[in-house]
């Protein structure tokens, strides 16, 4: 990838808010450089913006989408004066951060699973391999106002995950997040903190010493450039990045907790989700109970149950789960899910119905098949990617 194209990716990370669907659609359609050129032409000649876009993409763009892109151009254009890549590169270099764009080899493959919502750039402080940390890591999230029970469980789960060679992924906030990070560090493991603001603005400020330690043994990342503030909306959009970890565990969460959005993002990505049950009288566990009730999460009472959710198929074989009845798959549910995907592909709901599985069973089976390389998720549909195994 040439420097000009990389600079265009960086510019879009400053022009558009995280997960801006229209900006993602524009960049996906034209590419970062062409999209940037179109935006500048739209500023110079607003009336000709629609025609210029049609010339670039032909008739394949729906008229409603075209109109919305033209309407959105002014909001991106208002940031053009601070979207030049070089100042962001210089700022990142001053604080010892590196910048990864979606076309870099080091860019985490897990983030590409976000499809159109993939970040335009990732700003990283710390030398750890972020791609590996997300691919094998466990996201531990929960309430800022956690109880002593929640703190104890989060610390136990995080330390156990580190003992099994997994990284801990969380958001660096007070409460469950900070407990998870600290437990990982205390256990001698690596941890990844995903920020809502720039990686030079530790938030909350009271966690600055901890986040410095995270940088030393793991990494702190953000999809917005250094210097950007952690606005409220950015906390919600950054949750989708945390959700790309191998599995998500919600330790404590109230009914309106931001941790619930992380869990739902993970479920949409077909990542395993677990929730720790608490007392039915505790408001701090109300969100966890709702996730379990709605079939978004399975109950987790100890780390072994979490590890089982994201263990590859080889581990299932070692535990003796494979037998004649499974036809070479890790479980009957995996075989049924694979069959339900079929040669034409299917959505998660279609797989669930065709295979006769519960929502949790379907997501778990598909996640294990994906880990084994048997299926892949493309634009919201599952497709087979390997045909060497007999299915009859």
Foldseek 3Di string as FASTA:
>chain_A
DDPVLLQLLQLLLQLDDQQPLLSLVLCVQQNSVRSVVLLVVCVVPVVCSLVVVCVRRPPPDDPVSSVVNSVCSVSSVVRNVPRGRPVLVVVLVVVQKDKAAPVDPLPAPLLCLVPSSRFSMKIKQADASVNQQQAAAEEEDFDLPDDPVLLVQLLQLLLVSVVVVHEYEYALGHDSRLSSLVSQVVSVHAYEHEYLFAPVDRPPPVCVVSVVVNRHHYMYMYSHGPPGDNDPVSLLSSLLVSLSHQEYEYEWYALPGSVLSSLVSNVLSLHAYEYEADDPPDRRRHNSVVCCVVLSHHYDDHNVVVCVLRPAQVVLVVVVQDDVVCQPGSHVLLLQLLVQLPQVWAALVSSCVSSVHDSNSSSSSVNNCVSVQQWDADPRTIHGDDDPGDSD
